[in-house]
Protein backbone atom coordinates (compact mmCIF):
# COMPACT_ATOMS: atom_id res chain seq x y z
CA MET A 1 2.72 -21.66 -7.10
CA SER A 2 3.74 -18.34 -8.48
CA ILE A 3 1.87 -15.08 -8.33
CA ALA A 4 1.11 -15.51 -12.01
CA SER A 5 -0.76 -18.78 -11.70
CA ASP A 6 -2.42 -18.94 -8.29
CA ASN A 7 -6.00 -20.15 -8.79
CA ASN A 8 -5.64 -19.58 -12.55
CA LEU A 9 -6.49 -15.92 -12.04
CA LEU A 10 -4.51 -12.94 -13.25
CA TRP A 11 -4.13 -10.02 -10.94
CA VAL A 12 -3.48 -6.65 -12.53
CA PRO A 13 -2.36 -3.98 -10.08
CA PRO A 14 -3.21 -0.31 -10.59
CA ASP A 15 0.53 0.41 -10.85
CA ILE A 16 2.75 -2.24 -12.42
CA GLY A 17 5.39 -1.42 -9.81
CA ASP A 18 3.10 -3.01 -7.25
CA LEU A 19 4.19 -6.39 -8.58
CA LEU A 20 7.64 -5.71 -7.11
CA THR A 21 6.34 -4.54 -3.73
CA VAL A 22 7.14 -6.55 -0.62
CA SER A 23 5.41 -6.37 2.74
CA VAL A 24 6.01 -7.50 6.30
CA ASN A 25 3.57 -8.54 8.98
CA GLY A 26 2.64 -6.37 11.94
CA GLN A 27 4.97 -8.30 14.23
CA ALA A 28 8.09 -7.43 12.21
CA ASP A 29 10.90 -5.68 14.01
CA ASP A 30 12.07 -2.20 13.02
CA SER A 31 15.00 -3.42 10.93
CA THR A 32 12.74 -5.73 8.90
CA ALA A 33 10.22 -2.93 8.33
CA GLN A 34 13.07 -0.62 7.29
CA GLY A 35 14.26 -3.28 4.85
CA MET A 36 10.78 -3.40 3.33
CA LEU A 37 10.91 0.35 2.76
CA VAL A 38 14.35 0.12 1.18
CA ILE A 39 13.32 -2.71 -1.14
CA ASN A 40 10.11 -0.99 -2.22
CA GLY A 41 11.93 2.28 -2.86
CA ALA A 42 14.57 0.45 -4.87
CA ALA A 43 11.87 -1.24 -6.97
CA SER A 44 10.52 2.16 -7.95
CA GLN A 45 14.02 3.41 -8.75
CA TRP A 46 14.78 0.30 -10.80
CA LEU A 47 11.60 0.64 -12.85
CA ALA A 48 12.39 4.32 -13.42
CA GLY A 49 15.90 3.43 -14.56
CA THR A 50 17.67 5.39 -11.81
CA ILE A 51 19.44 2.27 -10.47
CA ASP A 52 20.82 -0.57 -12.55
CA ASP A 53 19.95 -4.27 -12.49
CA TYR A 54 23.06 -5.22 -10.55
CA THR A 55 22.32 -2.75 -7.74
CA TYR A 56 18.67 -3.80 -7.47
CA PHE A 57 19.48 -7.51 -7.52
CA GLU A 58 22.25 -7.09 -4.93
CA LEU A 59 19.83 -5.21 -2.68
CA LEU A 60 17.23 -7.97 -2.93
CA ASP A 61 19.87 -10.57 -2.16
CA HIS A 62 21.12 -8.53 0.82
CA TYR A 63 17.64 -8.71 2.36
CA GLY A 64 17.28 -12.44 1.72
CA ILE A 65 15.18 -12.37 -1.45
CA ASP A 66 16.33 -14.50 -4.39
CA PRO A 67 16.42 -11.83 -7.10
CA LEU A 68 16.13 -14.15 -10.09
CA ARG A 69 13.17 -16.00 -8.63
CA PHE A 70 11.43 -12.81 -7.43
CA VAL A 71 11.82 -10.88 -10.67
CA GLY A 72 11.21 -14.06 -12.69
CA GLU A 73 7.76 -14.43 -11.17
CA VAL A 74 6.96 -10.84 -12.11
CA GLU A 75 8.18 -11.48 -15.66
CA GLU A 76 6.04 -14.62 -15.82
CA HIS A 77 3.02 -12.64 -14.68
CA MET A 78 3.64 -9.95 -17.29
CA ALA A 79 4.03 -12.57 -20.04
CA LEU A 80 0.64 -14.04 -19.11
CA LEU A 81 -0.94 -10.60 -19.20
CA MET A 82 0.44 -9.95 -22.68
CA ARG A 83 -0.85 -13.24 -24.18
């Protein structure tokens, strides 16, 4: 299931950038938590146009997130919102 179709409900965050936010659980080590901060900061920069697609996607990949799948789910969610 993707974030866009879970339970046939659409979730609209207060800030569209929240769709690109990642989180870690409370048991995560310091390096994992730091990675979360880096990824979330990069998402804001990417949406603002201060970093390019290549840089953002490389960063996601570096931290073990499939960039095409991750961003694709956000795009799918946005397409459903616009229908």
